Amino acid sequence: MKFIIKICALALITISCQKGAVGDIGPAGAKGATGDRGANNTTAGPQGTKGAVGDAGATGSKGTTGTAGTDGVINLFITDWKKVVWQHLATSGSTNTFVGEISVPEITQAVIDRGFVRMYLRINGQNSGSDDLPEGVATIVSKGGTDYRMSNNGTSLGKISLIHSTTSTLTKETTVTNLNALSTEIRASIIIAK
């Protein structure tokens, strides 16, 4: 009899324990607290140690040779002021031509072949009155009511010369004396290029 009661009790428990219908989803729980920030206030992890230096790469091939540059200036000479010495050169009709020269040993064959000479003229040591006197250009020098027209006659080996032509009735000797009395001086800038 006890056995039958136990079976009945067990059957009753089994029938009453059957699973019922699924109930509604309950409300969401509260949000959890934010975790601590990482190093340097970022979420990134700490920086790792520096790696070893890698092996050197192979040497690159030699580049092509560039084109040659233009020749540069190798020398510049500036002479001292030198007094011009005048003499009669020639007479043509009523015109007398006089030449004034200075010795410039710096004007070598190399200067003539590949150089450049710039000439400057002054009278009676007056630097403020010095003139740039390119070849073929004339300047007028006045003294004692007489005008002396002097032209740059260019350069030759070891010298620079000026030319003065006049139809004055003064003797050649007097004109040479007057020209030398002007104390005409020349300075040259000499540039020699490669």
Protein backbone atom coordinates (compact mmCIF):
# COMPACT_ATOMS: atom_id res chain seq x y z
CA MET A 1 0.00 0.00 0.00
CA LYS A 2 2.85 2.35 0.82
CA PHE A 3 4.30 1.55 -2.56
CA ILE A 4 1.13 2.62 -4.36
CA ILE A 5 0.99 5.85 -2.40
CA LYS A 6 4.57 6.69 -3.39
CA ILE A 7 3.83 6.05 -7.06
CA CYS A 8 0.76 8.23 -6.90
CA ALA A 9 2.66 10.99 -5.17
CA LEU A 10 5.41 10.77 -7.75
CA ALA A 11 2.88 10.93 -10.60
CA LEU A 12 1.25 13.95 -9.03
CA ILE A 13 4.60 15.76 -8.68
CA THR A 14 5.54 14.95 -12.29
CA ILE A 15 2.25 16.28 -13.66
CA SER A 16 2.45 19.48 -11.60
CA CYS A 17 6.11 20.20 -12.73
CA GLN A 18 5.41 20.57 -16.46
CA LYS A 19 6.97 23.63 -18.09
CA GLY A 20 4.59 26.53 -18.58
CA ALA A 21 4.56 29.22 -21.36
CA VAL A 22 7.57 31.65 -21.69
CA GLY A 23 7.00 34.86 -19.78
CA ASP A 24 7.71 38.50 -20.96
CA ILE A 25 11.36 39.83 -20.99
CA GLY A 26 12.08 41.80 -17.90
CA PRO A 27 13.49 45.41 -17.98
CA ALA A 28 17.24 46.03 -18.80
CA GLY A 29 19.53 46.36 -15.86
CA ALA A 30 21.52 49.53 -15.07
CA LYS A 31 24.73 50.28 -17.12
CA GLY A 32 27.90 49.19 -15.43
CA ALA A 33 30.68 51.60 -14.38
CA THR A 34 33.32 52.61 -17.07
CA GLY A 35 36.63 50.86 -16.66
CA ASP A 36 39.92 52.66 -15.98
CA ARG A 37 41.73 54.33 -18.94
CA GLY A 38 44.98 52.88 -20.23
CA ALA A 39 48.47 54.52 -20.24
CA ASN A 40 48.62 58.10 -21.67
CA ASN A 41 44.85 58.37 -21.24
CA THR A 42 44.23 56.17 -24.29
CA THR A 43 42.83 52.77 -24.77
CA ALA A 44 46.06 51.71 -26.55
CA GLY A 45 48.48 49.50 -24.76
CA PRO A 46 51.96 50.63 -23.71
CA GLN A 47 54.61 51.23 -26.40
CA GLY A 48 56.90 48.32 -27.00
CA THR A 49 60.70 48.49 -26.88
CA LYS A 50 62.60 49.77 -29.94
CA GLY A 51 63.60 47.04 -32.32
CA ALA A 52 67.16 46.36 -33.41
CA VAL A 53 68.65 48.40 -36.29
CA GLY A 54 68.37 46.55 -39.57
CA ASP A 55 71.32 45.66 -41.76
CA ALA A 56 72.66 48.36 -44.15
CA GLY A 57 71.33 48.11 -47.67
CA ALA A 58 73.54 47.50 -50.67
CA THR A 59 75.48 50.49 -52.07
CA GLY A 60 73.64 52.11 -54.95
CA SER A 61 75.17 52.38 -58.39
CA LYS A 62 77.18 55.50 -59.32
CA GLY A 63 75.11 58.24 -60.93
CA THR A 64 75.88 59.62 -64.35
CA THR A 65 78.39 62.45 -64.61
CA GLY A 66 76.73 65.85 -64.94
CA THR A 67 77.44 68.23 -67.76
CA ALA A 68 80.44 70.50 -67.37
CA GLY A 69 79.71 73.93 -65.93
CA THR A 70 80.64 77.15 -67.62
CA ASP A 71 84.14 78.46 -67.14
CA GLY A 72 84.51 80.82 -64.22
CA VAL A 73 86.67 83.85 -63.61
CA ILE A 74 90.10 82.90 -62.33
CA ASN A 75 91.84 86.26 -61.95
CA LEU A 76 91.03 89.91 -61.39
CA PHE A 77 93.70 92.61 -61.45
CA ILE A 78 93.15 96.26 -60.64
CA THR A 79 96.12 98.42 -61.48
CA ASP A 80 97.30 101.49 -59.62
CA TRP A 81 96.63 104.89 -61.15
CA LYS A 82 99.31 105.45 -63.79
CA LYS A 83 100.21 108.75 -65.42
CA VAL A 84 99.74 108.88 -69.19
CA VAL A 85 102.77 109.96 -71.22
CA TRP A 86 101.82 111.80 -74.43
CA GLN A 87 103.64 112.07 -77.75
CA HIS A 88 102.84 113.14 -81.32
CA LEU A 89 101.65 110.23 -83.44
CA ALA A 90 100.76 111.52 -86.92
CA THR A 91 99.73 114.51 -89.03
CA SER A 92 96.99 114.27 -91.66
CA GLY A 93 96.22 117.55 -93.42
CA SER A 94 95.52 120.08 -90.68
CA THR A 95 94.85 117.41 -88.04
CA ASN A 96 97.49 116.30 -85.58
CA THR A 97 96.96 113.09 -83.64
CA PHE A 98 98.64 112.43 -80.31
CA VAL A 99 98.84 109.18 -78.37
CA GLY A 100 99.08 108.82 -74.62
CA GLU A 101 100.25 105.48 -73.29
CA ILE A 102 100.76 103.71 -69.99
CA SER A 103 102.63 100.48 -69.37
CA VAL A 104 100.42 97.70 -67.98
CA PRO A 105 102.44 94.47 -67.72
CA GLU A 106 99.33 92.69 -66.40
CA ILE A 107 97.92 92.81 -69.95
CA THR A 108 99.44 89.54 -71.10
CA GLN A 109 98.68 87.49 -74.18
CA ALA A 110 96.20 85.51 -72.06
CA VAL A 111 94.30 88.74 -71.31
CA ILE A 112 94.23 89.65 -74.99
CA ASP A 113 93.09 86.13 -75.97
CA ARG A 114 90.41 85.56 -73.34
CA GLY A 115 90.29 88.52 -70.98
CA PHE A 116 88.47 91.79 -70.48
CA VAL A 117 89.92 95.20 -69.65
CA ARG A 118 87.89 98.12 -68.27
CA MET A 119 89.60 101.51 -68.22
CA TYR A 120 89.07 104.51 -65.92
CA LEU A 121 90.40 108.05 -66.43
CA ARG A 122 91.07 110.84 -63.94
CA ILE A 123 92.71 114.24 -64.18
CA ASN A 124 95.13 115.75 -61.64
CA GLY A 125 94.48 113.00 -59.09
CA GLN A 126 90.80 113.89 -58.71
CA ASN A 127 89.06 110.61 -57.87
CA SER A 128 85.70 112.35 -57.81
CA GLY A 129 86.18 113.23 -61.47
CA SER A 130 87.22 109.77 -62.65
CA ASP A 131 85.34 108.44 -65.65
CA ASP A 132 84.62 104.96 -66.90
CA LEU A 133 86.10 105.02 -70.40
CA PRO A 134 85.13 102.02 -72.56
CA GLU A 135 87.11 101.35 -75.72
CA GLY A 136 86.19 103.72 -78.56
CA VAL A 137 84.44 106.18 -76.23
CA ALA A 138 85.71 109.76 -75.92
CA THR A 139 85.70 112.20 -73.04
CA ILE A 140 86.39 115.93 -73.04
CA VAL A 141 88.97 117.34 -70.64
CA SER A 142 89.02 121.14 -70.37
CA LYS A 143 91.90 123.20 -69.03
CA GLY A 144 92.86 126.83 -69.54
CA GLY A 145 90.00 127.39 -72.00
CA THR A 146 91.13 124.49 -74.22
CA ASP A 147 89.18 121.26 -74.72
CA TYR A 148 91.10 118.01 -75.11
CA ARG A 149 89.04 115.20 -76.61
CA MET A 150 90.50 111.89 -75.48
CA SER A 151 89.40 108.50 -76.75
CA ASN A 152 90.15 105.06 -75.38
CA ASN A 153 92.35 103.57 -78.10
CA GLY A 154 92.15 100.09 -76.57
CA THR A 155 94.73 97.70 -75.25
CA SER A 156 97.72 95.91 -76.68
CA LEU A 157 100.29 93.61 -75.16
CA GLY A 158 101.51 95.33 -71.99
CA LYS A 159 99.92 98.73 -72.61
CA ILE A 160 96.82 100.93 -72.80
CA SER A 161 96.59 104.02 -74.96
CA LEU A 162 94.52 107.17 -75.41
CA ILE A 163 94.18 109.19 -78.60
CA HIS A 164 93.75 112.97 -78.94
CA SER A 165 93.22 114.58 -82.35
CA THR A 166 93.16 118.33 -82.89
CA THR A 167 93.21 120.97 -85.62
CA SER A 168 94.72 123.50 -83.22
CA THR A 169 97.40 125.79 -84.65
CA LEU A 170 99.58 125.17 -81.61
CA THR A 171 102.85 123.45 -82.36
CA LYS A 172 103.06 119.71 -81.78
CA GLU A 173 105.60 120.27 -79.01
CA THR A 174 103.31 122.75 -77.21
CA THR A 175 100.35 120.37 -77.47
CA VAL A 176 102.41 117.49 -76.04
CA THR A 177 103.52 119.75 -73.16
CA ASN A 178 99.91 120.82 -72.50
CA LEU A 179 98.64 117.22 -72.58
CA ASN A 180 101.31 116.04 -70.14
CA ALA A 181 100.50 119.00 -67.87
CA LEU A 182 96.94 117.67 -67.49
CA SER A 183 98.31 114.82 -65.37
CA THR A 184 95.95 112.38 -67.06
CA GLU A 185 95.91 109.06 -65.19
CA ILE A 186 94.56 105.65 -66.12
CA ARG A 187 93.54 102.71 -63.96
CA ALA A 188 92.53 99.37 -65.44
CA SER A 189 90.41 96.49 -64.18
CA ILE A 190 91.57 93.30 -65.86
CA ILE A 191 89.55 90.10 -65.78
CA ILE A 192 90.95 86.85 -67.17
CA ALA A 193 88.50 84.03 -67.76
CA LYS A 194 89.34 80.35 -68.10
